[in-house]
N, C-alpha and C. Protein backbone atom coordinates (compact mmCIF):
# COMPACT_ATOMS: atom_id res chain seq x y z
N MET A 1 1.02 -1.21 -0.28
CA MET A 1 0.03 0.02 -0.31
C MET A 1 1.18 1.70 -0.05
N SER A 2 0.59 2.03 -0.65
CA SER A 2 1.51 3.48 -0.79
C SER A 2 1.09 4.34 0.63
N LYS A 3 2.39 5.17 0.50
CA LYS A 3 1.61 5.86 1.43
C LYS A 3 0.45 6.91 1.75
N GLY A 4 0.23 7.91 -0.34
CA GLY A 4 -0.96 7.63 -0.26
C GLY A 4 -1.99 7.47 -0.06
N GLU A 5 -2.20 6.10 -0.04
CA GLU A 5 -3.04 5.04 0.04
C GLU A 5 -3.87 4.65 1.97
N LYS A 6 -2.16 4.68 2.35
CA LYS A 6 -2.09 4.92 3.29
C LYS A 6 -2.96 6.01 3.84
N LYS A 7 -2.43 7.26 3.99
CA LYS A 7 -3.10 8.97 4.28
C LYS A 7 -4.47 8.67 3.81
N ARG A 8 -4.92 8.65 2.72
CA ARG A 8 -6.57 8.65 2.35
C ARG A 8 -6.54 7.31 3.18
N ARG A 9 -6.58 5.64 3.52
CA ARG A 9 -7.23 4.57 4.51
C ARG A 9 -7.49 5.66 6.02
N ARG A 10 -6.58 6.27 6.80
CA ARG A 10 -6.42 6.85 7.93
C ARG A 10 -7.39 7.88 7.76
N ALA A 11 -7.42 8.50 7.40
CA ALA A 11 -8.27 9.60 6.62
C ALA A 11 -9.99 9.34 6.68
N LEU A 12 -9.89 8.36 6.26
CA LEU A 12 -11.59 7.97 6.14
C LEU A 12 -11.95 7.05 7.82
N ASP A 13 -11.02 6.85 7.91
CA ASP A 13 -10.94 5.85 9.39
C ASP A 13 -11.61 6.81 10.77
N ALA A 14 -10.69 7.92 10.39
CA ALA A 14 -10.62 8.78 11.22
C ALA A 14 -12.07 10.02 11.68
N TYR A 15 -12.25 9.90 10.35
CA TYR A 15 -13.93 10.52 9.92
C TYR A 15 -15.00 10.11 10.67
N SER A 16 -14.44 8.51 10.19
CA SER A 16 -15.55 7.39 10.37
C SER A 16 -15.96 7.07 12.01
N THR A 17 -14.55 6.95 12.38
CA THR A 17 -14.96 7.57 14.15
C THR A 17 -15.05 8.66 14.48
N LEU A 18 -14.63 9.37 14.16
CA LEU A 18 -15.43 10.86 14.03
C LEU A 18 -16.79 10.98 14.65
N GLN A 19 -17.38 10.60 13.05
CA GLN A 19 -18.83 11.10 12.69
C GLN A 19 -19.38 9.74 14.01
N ARG A 20 -19.91 8.84 14.19
CA ARG A 20 -19.32 7.57 14.84
C ARG A 20 -19.49 8.10 17.05
N ALA A 21 -18.84 8.91 16.77
CA ALA A 21 -18.31 9.18 18.58
C ALA A 21 -19.48 10.44 18.43
N ALA A 22 -19.62 11.44 17.02
CA ALA A 22 -20.56 12.21 17.91
C ALA A 22 -21.75 12.54 17.83
N SER A 23 -22.40 10.42 16.73
CA SER A 23 -23.36 10.35 17.17
C SER A 23 -24.44 9.74 18.27
N MET A 24 -23.15 8.83 18.87
CA MET A 24 -23.99 8.07 20.10
C MET A 24 -23.30 8.84 20.96
N ALA A 25 -22.58 9.86 21.35
CA ALA A 25 -22.57 10.82 22.35
C ALA A 25 -23.88 11.66 21.42
N SER A 26 -24.33 11.82 20.69
CA SER A 26 -25.54 13.00 20.51
C SER A 26 -26.13 12.30 21.06
N ALA A 27 -26.39 11.02 21.01
CA ALA A 27 -28.24 10.07 21.21
C ALA A 27 -27.64 10.33 23.09
N GLN A 28 -26.75 10.20 23.35
CA GLN A 28 -26.47 10.57 24.83
C GLN A 28 -27.19 11.58 25.77
N VAL A 29 -26.83 11.94 24.88
CA VAL A 29 -27.57 14.13 25.92
C VAL A 29 -28.43 14.12 25.05
N GLU A 30 -29.21 13.48 23.64
CA GLU A 30 -30.61 14.01 23.81
C GLU A 30 -30.99 12.57 24.50
N GLN A 31 -31.17 11.29 24.70
CA GLN A 31 -31.52 10.82 26.57
C GLN A 31 -31.36 11.44 27.42
N ALA A 32 -30.51 12.44 27.50
CA ALA A 32 -30.70 13.71 29.31
C ALA A 32 -32.00 14.81 29.07
N VAL A 33 -31.56 14.99 28.13
CA VAL A 33 -32.60 16.11 27.77
C VAL A 33 -34.48 15.65 27.47
N HIS A 34 -34.41 15.05 27.13
CA HIS A 34 -35.52 14.24 26.77
C HIS A 34 -36.34 13.83 27.89
N PRO A 35 -36.38 13.63 29.13
CA PRO A 35 -37.46 13.73 30.28
C PRO A 35 -38.04 15.20 30.51
N PHE A 36 -37.18 16.23 29.93
CA PHE A 36 -37.98 17.11 30.18
C PHE A 36 -38.56 18.14 28.63
N GLY A 37 -39.44 16.92 27.88
CA GLY A 37 -39.93 17.14 27.20
C GLY A 37 -38.78 17.95 25.75
N LEU A 38 -37.53 17.97 25.77
CA LEU A 38 -36.49 18.40 25.15
C LEU A 38 -35.57 17.86 23.87
N SER A 39 -35.40 18.00 22.93
CA SER A 39 -35.18 17.28 22.19
C SER A 39 -33.35 18.29 22.06
N ALA A 40 -32.32 17.40 21.83
CA ALA A 40 -30.88 17.93 21.91
C ALA A 40 -31.23 19.67 20.51
N SER A 41 -31.52 19.66 19.99
CA SER A 41 -31.63 20.03 18.91
C SER A 41 -32.58 21.74 19.59
N GLN A 42 -33.72 21.48 20.46
CA GLN A 42 -34.78 22.32 20.72
C GLN A 42 -33.65 23.29 22.50
N PHE A 43 -32.67 22.18 22.55
CA PHE A 43 -31.67 22.69 24.15
C PHE A 43 -31.00 23.81 23.74
N GLY A 44 -30.03 23.84 22.13
CA GLY A 44 -29.36 24.55 21.79
C GLY A 44 -30.18 26.01 21.18
N VAL A 45 -30.92 25.33 21.11
CA VAL A 45 -32.10 26.70 20.83
C VAL A 45 -32.11 27.82 22.02
N LEU A 46 -32.87 27.46 23.05
CA LEU A 46 -32.79 27.88 23.97
C LEU A 46 -30.94 28.77 24.69
N GLU A 47 -30.34 27.32 24.75
CA GLU A 47 -29.20 27.33 25.22
C GLU A 47 -28.19 29.10 24.29
N THR A 48 -28.71 28.91 22.92
CA THR A 48 -28.12 29.92 22.12
C THR A 48 -28.66 31.12 22.36
N LEU A 49 -29.95 31.30 22.91
CA LEU A 49 -30.63 32.05 22.71
C LEU A 49 -30.46 33.08 24.62
N GLN A 50 -30.27 32.01 25.96
CA GLN A 50 -29.35 32.10 26.51
C GLN A 50 -28.25 32.64 26.86
N SER A 51 -27.45 32.84 25.88
CA SER A 51 -26.28 33.25 25.83
C SER A 51 -26.14 34.26 24.50
N ARG A 52 -26.39 34.55 23.66
CA ARG A 52 -26.42 35.29 23.16
C ARG A 52 -27.73 36.65 23.07
N GLY A 53 -29.29 36.53 23.89
CA GLY A 53 -30.07 36.68 23.67
C GLY A 53 -30.99 36.72 22.49
N PRO A 54 -31.81 38.00 22.08
CA PRO A 54 -32.83 38.07 21.15
C PRO A 54 -31.60 37.60 19.52
N VAL A 55 -32.23 36.40 18.89
CA VAL A 55 -31.41 36.45 17.76
C VAL A 55 -32.27 35.97 16.54
N HIS A 56 -31.77 36.97 15.25
CA HIS A 56 -32.89 36.61 14.16
C HIS A 56 -32.96 34.62 13.42
N GLN A 57 -33.91 34.29 13.29
CA GLN A 57 -34.43 32.78 12.90
C GLN A 57 -33.46 32.25 11.74
N GLN A 58 -32.88 33.09 10.43
CA GLN A 58 -31.86 32.45 10.01
C GLN A 58 -30.63 32.76 10.93
N GLU A 59 -30.21 32.95 11.65
CA GLU A 59 -28.24 33.79 12.89
C GLU A 59 -28.46 32.14 13.66
N LEU A 60 -29.90 31.62 14.61
CA LEU A 60 -30.60 30.31 14.89
C LEU A 60 -29.59 29.29 13.95
N ALA A 61 -30.52 29.45 12.18
CA ALA A 61 -29.90 27.73 11.57
C ALA A 61 -29.20 28.41 11.82
N GLU A 62 -28.07 29.30 11.01
CA GLU A 62 -26.41 28.34 10.78
C GLU A 62 -25.45 28.83 11.90
N ALA A 63 -26.21 29.39 12.87
CA ALA A 63 -25.30 29.00 14.62
C ALA A 63 -25.29 27.28 14.85
N LEU A 64 -26.86 26.85 14.38
CA LEU A 64 -26.66 26.03 14.92
C LEU A 64 -26.87 24.60 14.12
N GLY A 65 -26.47 24.92 12.73
CA GLY A 65 -25.44 23.38 11.39
C GLY A 65 -27.46 23.30 11.11
N ARG A 66 -28.24 24.12 10.81
CA ARG A 66 -29.87 23.43 10.67
C ARG A 66 -30.10 24.47 9.66
N SER A 67 -31.22 23.55 9.04
CA SER A 67 -31.68 24.26 7.62
C SER A 67 -32.35 25.47 8.14
N LYS A 68 -33.59 26.14 7.54
CA LYS A 68 -34.17 26.66 7.45
C LYS A 68 -35.39 26.28 8.11
N ALA A 69 -35.91 25.38 7.62
CA ALA A 69 -36.76 24.37 7.48
C ALA A 69 -37.00 23.51 9.03
N GLN A 70 -35.61 23.48 9.49
CA GLN A 70 -35.66 22.72 10.45
C GLN A 70 -35.66 23.48 11.26
N MET A 71 -35.20 25.02 11.69
CA MET A 71 -35.18 25.62 12.45
C MET A 71 -36.57 26.58 12.91
N THR A 72 -37.30 26.27 11.79
CA THR A 72 -38.45 26.30 11.69
C THR A 72 -39.69 25.72 12.50
N ALA A 73 -39.17 23.97 12.41
CA ALA A 73 -39.87 23.12 13.32
C ALA A 73 -39.79 23.20 14.53
N ILE A 74 -38.38 23.70 14.71
CA ILE A 74 -38.17 23.76 16.04
C ILE A 74 -38.46 24.97 17.29
N ILE A 75 -38.53 25.85 16.25
CA ILE A 75 -39.08 27.13 17.21
C ILE A 75 -40.37 26.43 17.19
N ASP A 76 -41.56 26.52 16.19
CA ASP A 76 -43.11 26.09 16.19
C ASP A 76 -42.92 25.39 17.72
N ALA A 77 -42.40 24.61 17.79
CA ALA A 77 -42.30 23.75 19.07
C ALA A 77 -42.35 23.79 20.10
N LEU A 78 -41.05 25.02 20.68
CA LEU A 78 -40.94 25.73 21.53
C LEU A 78 -41.82 26.65 22.51
N GLU A 79 -42.72 27.64 20.80
CA GLU A 79 -42.79 28.39 20.93
C GLU A 79 -44.69 28.55 22.09
N ALA A 80 -45.11 26.73 20.81
CA ALA A 80 -45.96 26.69 21.34
C ALA A 80 -46.48 25.68 22.78
N ARG A 81 -45.30 25.34 23.10
CA ARG A 81 -45.03 25.22 24.70
C ARG A 81 -44.55 26.44 25.36
N GLY A 82 -44.38 27.76 24.77
CA GLY A 82 -44.41 29.15 25.29
C GLY A 82 -43.27 29.66 25.73
N TRP A 83 -42.28 28.77 25.55
CA TRP A 83 -40.70 28.66 26.28
C TRP A 83 -39.56 29.68 25.09
N VAL A 84 -40.42 29.78 23.63
CA VAL A 84 -39.57 31.42 23.18
C VAL A 84 -40.36 32.05 21.78
N ARG A 85 -40.15 33.18 21.91
CA ARG A 85 -41.66 33.47 21.08
C ARG A 85 -41.07 34.41 19.93
N ARG A 86 -41.22 34.65 18.96
CA ARG A 86 -41.14 35.49 17.70
C ARG A 86 -41.33 36.29 17.70
N GLU A 87 -40.77 37.20 17.22
CA GLU A 87 -41.35 39.45 16.90
C GLU A 87 -40.39 39.67 15.55
N ARG A 88 -41.32 40.32 14.17
CA ARG A 88 -41.31 40.52 13.78
C ARG A 88 -40.24 42.22 13.36
N HIS A 89 -39.77 41.78 12.92
CA HIS A 89 -38.62 43.70 13.08
C HIS A 89 -39.44 45.12 12.70
N ALA A 90 -39.45 45.86 13.18
CA ALA A 90 -40.00 47.13 13.32
C ALA A 90 -40.42 47.21 12.07
N THR A 91 -38.72 47.60 11.46
CA THR A 91 -38.85 48.36 9.64
C THR A 91 -39.21 47.39 9.25
N ASP A 92 -38.04 46.36 8.91
CA ASP A 92 -38.04 45.04 7.72
C ASP A 92 -38.96 44.36 8.63
N ARG A 93 -40.20 43.94 8.24
CA ARG A 93 -41.10 42.83 8.52
C ARG A 93 -40.21 41.45 8.09
N ARG A 94 -39.64 41.17 7.93
CA ARG A 94 -38.88 40.21 6.46
C ARG A 94 -37.85 39.42 7.56
N PHE A 95 -37.81 40.04 8.75
CA PHE A 95 -37.04 39.50 9.85
C PHE A 95 -37.02 38.73 10.80
N ILE A 96 -37.47 37.94 11.31
CA ILE A 96 -37.83 37.22 12.82
C ILE A 96 -36.66 37.36 13.92
N SER A 97 -37.07 37.73 14.75
CA SER A 97 -35.82 37.75 16.13
C SER A 97 -37.40 36.27 16.86
N VAL A 98 -36.28 35.71 17.51
CA VAL A 98 -36.20 35.04 18.71
C VAL A 98 -35.70 34.94 19.57
N TYR A 99 -37.03 35.76 20.83
CA TYR A 99 -36.65 36.26 22.53
C TYR A 99 -37.23 34.65 23.47
N LEU A 100 -36.10 33.90 23.67
CA LEU A 100 -36.03 33.58 25.34
C LEU A 100 -37.57 33.73 26.03
N THR A 101 -38.48 32.46 26.54
CA THR A 101 -38.80 33.44 27.57
C THR A 101 -38.37 33.35 28.98
N ASP A 102 -38.96 33.58 30.06
CA ASP A 102 -39.02 33.41 31.44
C ASP A 102 -39.50 31.66 31.65
N ASP A 103 -40.56 30.81 30.75
CA ASP A 103 -40.56 29.68 30.96
C ASP A 103 -39.17 29.06 30.42
N GLY A 104 -39.29 29.32 28.80
CA GLY A 104 -37.82 29.36 28.49
C GLY A 104 -36.54 28.85 29.13
N ARG A 105 -36.63 30.52 30.44
CA ARG A 105 -35.31 29.98 31.00
C ARG A 105 -35.60 28.79 31.82
N ALA A 106 -36.56 28.64 32.28
CA ALA A 106 -36.66 28.00 33.95
C ALA A 106 -36.65 26.52 33.32
N VAL A 107 -37.26 26.54 31.65
CA VAL A 107 -36.19 25.02 31.34
C VAL A 107 -35.10 25.12 31.71
N LEU A 108 -34.61 25.47 30.30
CA LEU A 108 -33.30 25.92 30.03
C LEU A 108 -32.72 25.15 32.16
N VAL A 109 -33.00 26.36 33.10
CA VAL A 109 -32.62 25.89 34.56
C VAL A 109 -32.07 24.57 34.87
N SER A 110 -33.77 23.82 34.55
CA SER A 110 -33.54 22.70 34.73
C SER A 110 -33.25 21.76 33.85
N THR A 111 -32.93 21.50 32.96
CA THR A 111 -32.25 20.67 31.99
C THR A 111 -30.77 20.06 31.80
N ALA A 112 -30.45 21.91 32.40
CA ALA A 112 -28.70 21.75 31.99
C ALA A 112 -27.64 21.21 32.79
N PRO A 113 -28.02 20.52 34.06
CA PRO A 113 -27.41 19.86 35.39
C PRO A 113 -27.64 18.88 34.74
N ALA A 114 -29.42 17.92 33.39
CA ALA A 114 -29.22 16.04 33.67
C ALA A 114 -27.92 16.42 31.79
N ARG A 115 -28.42 17.45 31.10
CA ARG A 115 -27.43 17.47 30.38
C ARG A 115 -25.24 17.94 30.54
N SER A 116 -25.99 18.02 30.98
CA SER A 116 -23.73 18.47 31.59
C SER A 116 -23.73 17.47 32.11
N ASP A 117 -24.24 16.48 33.23
CA ASP A 117 -23.66 15.15 33.78
C ASP A 117 -23.78 14.06 32.39
N ALA A 118 -24.81 14.04 31.62
CA ALA A 118 -24.47 13.18 30.30
C ALA A 118 -23.01 13.72 29.89
N ILE A 119 -22.36 15.26 29.56
CA ILE A 119 -21.90 15.49 28.83
C ILE A 119 -20.65 14.60 29.22
N VAL A 120 -20.11 15.54 30.89
CA VAL A 120 -19.35 15.49 31.76
C VAL A 120 -18.90 13.63 31.90
N ALA A 121 -19.74 12.48 31.51
CA ALA A 121 -20.25 11.22 31.89
C ALA A 121 -19.06 10.73 30.46
N ILE A 122 -19.14 11.13 29.22
CA ILE A 122 -18.91 10.96 28.26
C ILE A 122 -17.62 10.90 27.79
N MET A 123 -17.43 12.12 28.68
CA MET A 123 -15.39 12.76 28.83
C MET A 123 -15.17 12.60 29.45
N ALA A 124 -15.97 11.34 30.25
CA ALA A 124 -14.56 11.14 31.66
C ALA A 124 -14.12 9.92 31.54
N GLU A 125 -14.84 9.73 30.20
CA GLU A 125 -13.65 8.21 29.08
C GLU A 125 -12.03 8.32 29.18
N LEU A 126 -12.39 9.54 28.92
CA LEU A 126 -10.59 10.83 29.01
C LEU A 126 -9.97 11.09 29.72
N SER A 127 -8.67 11.36 29.70
CA SER A 127 -7.83 11.97 30.15
C SER A 127 -8.16 13.45 30.13
N GLY A 128 -7.73 14.23 31.13
CA GLY A 128 -7.60 15.82 31.11
C GLY A 128 -6.67 15.79 29.57
N ASP A 129 -5.57 15.66 29.63
CA ASP A 129 -4.97 16.08 28.05
C ASP A 129 -5.52 15.36 26.85
N GLN A 130 -6.35 14.36 26.99
CA GLN A 130 -7.13 14.03 26.21
C GLN A 130 -8.15 14.61 25.44
N ARG A 131 -9.21 14.97 25.79
CA ARG A 131 -10.12 15.91 26.58
C ARG A 131 -9.35 17.09 26.00
N ALA A 132 -8.72 18.14 26.62
CA ALA A 132 -7.93 18.60 25.95
C ALA A 132 -7.59 18.63 23.73
N ARG A 133 -6.84 18.04 24.26
CA ARG A 133 -6.09 17.44 22.98
C ARG A 133 -7.65 17.82 21.77
N LEU A 134 -8.50 16.97 21.92
CA LEU A 134 -9.77 16.22 20.96
C LEU A 134 -9.62 17.34 20.76
N ALA A 135 -10.51 18.79 21.92
CA ALA A 135 -10.82 20.17 21.59
C ALA A 135 -10.19 20.88 20.73
N ARG A 136 -8.73 20.73 20.52
CA ARG A 136 -7.81 21.49 20.31
C ARG A 136 -8.95 21.03 18.08
N LEU A 137 -8.51 19.68 18.60
CA LEU A 137 -8.85 18.96 17.09
C LEU A 137 -10.03 19.49 16.37
N CYS A 138 -10.50 19.60 17.23
CA CYS A 138 -12.24 19.80 16.69
C CYS A 138 -11.34 21.19 16.48
N ARG A 139 -11.20 22.15 17.03
CA ARG A 139 -11.43 24.03 16.76
C ARG A 139 -10.77 23.33 15.68
N ARG A 140 -9.80 22.63 15.12
CA ARG A 140 -8.26 22.69 14.25
C ARG A 140 -9.50 22.52 12.85
N LEU A 141 -10.62 21.54 13.17
CA LEU A 141 -11.52 21.32 11.62
C LEU A 141 -12.39 22.41 11.56
N LEU A 142 -12.73 22.46 12.59
CA LEU A 142 -13.57 23.52 12.45
C LEU A 142 -13.33 25.33 12.10
N ARG A 143 -12.19 25.25 12.14
CA ARG A 143 -11.30 26.40 11.89
C ARG A 143 -11.69 26.44 9.75
N VAL A 144 -11.58 25.47 9.91
CA VAL A 144 -11.13 23.99 8.24
C VAL A 144 -12.89 24.72 7.52
N LEU A 145 -13.33 23.68 8.25
CA LEU A 145 -15.19 23.88 7.78
C LEU A 145 -15.82 25.14 7.64
N ASP A 146 -15.21 26.15 8.64
CA ASP A 146 -15.81 27.16 8.06
C ASP A 146 -14.98 28.27 9.34
N PRO A 147 -14.37 28.54 7.98
CA PRO A 147 -13.04 29.89 8.02
C PRO A 147 -13.74 31.53 8.82
N GLU A 148 -15.19 31.64 8.52
CA GLU A 148 -15.48 32.88 8.97
C GLU A 148 -16.00 32.79 10.62
N GLN A 149 -15.92 31.60 11.28
CA GLN A 149 -16.58 31.55 12.39
C GLN A 149 -15.72 32.28 13.47
N SER A 150 -15.78 32.19 14.05
CA SER A 150 -14.16 32.77 15.46
C SER A 150 -14.41 31.84 16.27
N ILE A 151 -13.84 30.57 16.04
CA ILE A 151 -13.32 29.19 17.11
C ILE A 151 -12.37 30.02 18.28
N GLU A 152 -12.29 30.76 18.66
CA GLU A 152 -11.39 30.85 19.85
C GLU A 152 -10.61 30.15 20.52
N PRO A 153 -9.28 29.62 20.94
CA PRO A 153 -9.13 28.74 22.37
C PRO A 153 -8.79 29.48 23.21
N ILE A 154 -8.51 28.98 24.63
CA ILE A 154 -8.24 29.56 24.74
C ILE A 154 -7.08 29.49 25.54
N ASP A 155 -6.11 30.44 24.36
CA ASP A 155 -5.54 30.38 25.02
C ASP A 155 -4.16 29.30 25.43
N GLU A 156 -4.38 28.01 24.24
CA GLU A 156 -3.48 26.96 23.68
C GLU A 156 -2.25 26.54 23.14
N SER A 157 -2.19 28.42 22.17
CA SER A 157 -0.84 28.14 21.22
C SER A 157 -0.47 27.63 21.39
N HIS A 158 0.25 27.65 22.04
CA HIS A 158 1.59 26.32 22.61
C HIS A 158 1.20 25.13 22.48
N ALA A 159 0.90 24.43 22.52
CA ALA A 159 -0.12 23.17 22.82
C ALA A 159 -0.39 23.18 21.65
N GLU A 160 -1.08 23.80 21.11
CA GLU A 160 -1.58 23.59 19.52
C GLU A 160 -0.08 23.56 18.76
N ALA A 161 -0.03 24.48 18.90
CA ALA A 161 1.56 24.08 17.58
C ALA A 161 2.49 22.45 17.92
N HIS A 162 3.11 22.79 19.03
CA HIS A 162 2.82 20.97 19.58
C HIS A 162 2.33 20.28 18.61
N ASP A 163 1.23 20.61 18.76
CA ASP A 163 0.43 19.15 18.17
C ASP A 163 0.49 19.49 16.76
N ASP A 164 0.39 20.02 16.13
CA ASP A 164 0.20 20.24 15.22
C ASP A 164 2.25 19.83 14.32
N ALA A 165 2.73 20.11 15.19
CA ALA A 165 4.20 19.77 15.08
C ALA A 165 3.79 17.90 14.99
N ALA A 166 3.05 17.30 16.30
CA ALA A 166 3.23 16.12 16.62
C ALA A 166 2.46 15.08 14.85
N ASP A 167 1.56 15.91 15.06
CA ASP A 167 -0.10 15.53 14.03
C ASP A 167 1.21 15.01 12.38
N ASP A 168 2.04 16.69 11.91
CA ASP A 168 3.20 16.69 10.54
C ASP A 168 3.97 15.54 11.08
N ALA A 169 4.27 15.57 12.03
CA ALA A 169 5.44 14.41 12.19
C ALA A 169 5.22 12.73 12.11
N HIS A 170 3.48 12.55 12.82
CA HIS A 170 3.29 10.94 12.24
C HIS A 170 2.40 10.90 10.84
N ASP A 171 2.36 12.22 9.66
CA ASP A 171 1.32 11.80 8.91
C ASP A 171 1.51 10.65 7.91
N ASP A 172 2.61 9.67 7.91
CA ASP A 172 3.46 9.42 7.04
C ASP A 172 3.26 8.13 7.81
N ASP A 173 3.20 7.22 9.32
CA ASP A 173 3.03 6.22 10.07
C ASP A 173 2.25 5.64 9.29
N GLU A 174 2.16 4.99 10.53
CA GLU A 174 1.85 3.16 9.61
C GLU A 174 0.69 3.90 10.49
N LEU A 175 -0.56 2.83 10.28
CA LEU A 175 -2.19 3.43 10.54
C LEU A 175 -2.01 2.85 12.29
N ASP A 176 -2.57 3.60 12.98
CA ASP A 176 -2.74 3.70 14.55
C ASP A 176 -3.85 2.50 15.04
N ASP A 177 -3.42 2.09 15.98
CA ASP A 177 -4.06 0.53 16.81
C ASP A 177 -5.34 1.09 16.86
N PRO A 178 -6.33 0.04 16.08
CA PRO A 178 -7.45 0.55 17.16
C PRO A 178 -8.21 1.07 17.49
N ALA A 179 -8.83 1.69 17.86
CA ALA A 179 -9.59 2.61 19.60
C ALA A 179 -10.38 1.40 20.34
N VAL A 180 -10.27 1.07 21.07
CA VAL A 180 -10.71 0.24 22.13
C VAL A 180 -12.27 1.10 22.52
N GLU A 181 -12.57 0.09 21.99
CA GLU A 181 -14.33 0.45 22.57
C GLU A 181 -14.71 0.27 24.05
N THR A 182 -15.07 1.72 24.58
CA THR A 182 -15.63 1.97 25.35
C THR A 182 -17.93 1.83 25.42
N THR A 183 -18.37 1.25 26.28
CA THR A 183 -19.83 0.95 26.49
C THR A 183 -20.09 2.19 27.51
N LEU A 184 -20.75 2.91 27.40
CA LEU A 184 -21.22 4.37 28.20
C LEU A 184 -22.77 4.03 29.06
N PRO A 185 -22.37 3.81 30.37
CA PRO A 185 -23.39 4.01 30.79
C PRO A 185 -24.30 4.82 30.61
N SER A 186 -25.88 4.04 30.10
CA SER A 186 -26.60 5.66 30.00
C SER A 186 -27.29 6.61 30.79
N PRO A 187 -27.11 7.23 30.98
CA PRO A 187 -27.98 8.92 31.59
C PRO A 187 -29.38 8.28 32.05
N THR A 188 -30.03 8.21 33.30
CA THR A 188 -31.07 7.88 33.55
C THR A 188 -31.86 8.97 34.05
C-alpha cells in the first residue's frame, strides 16, 4: 500500500470514527434532555438564546447548523410550549427575531444539569490531556470547515503548535491501532 493510500485510509477511518462518536454522544445527550420534553436541538436553541439574547431566526439556523425549515420546526415546537416567542423586526418585516421567555429560561435551568452530567460522563472516559487535545483538534477542523466563524482557543497556542508538529511528524506513519471501544452507561 502506497503512502498516499495509507493517508487516504487513515483519513476515512478518522472521519468514520469521529462521525460515530459524535452520533453516539449526541444520542446520550438527547436521552438526558428528553425527560424534560426537549430534544437536543431544542435545548441548543434555548441555550443559544440564553447566551446571545434575541437572535434572528436565520442566524439561529446558521449557528446551530440547521436548515431554515428545520429551525422553523424547532422554533414552532418551542413557541407552542411558551418557551420562546417570535417578533418581526419593526422596520423590516422579513426579519424575525426569536426571544427566550421566562418559562424557557426555567426549563433551560432545570434541564442543564442533566445535560451537563451526560456530557461529563461521556468525557470522563478521556484523561484531561486527551480532552484538551480533542478540543484542539475539533477547533482545528472547525476553522477549516467554517473559516468565517471565530473559534478561539483558551490560550492553547503553544500546545496547539506542539500538536500540529506532532501530527505532521506522524502523517506518514502506519495506521494507528484501532481504538478500544467503551460502552458508556446511559444517563437515567
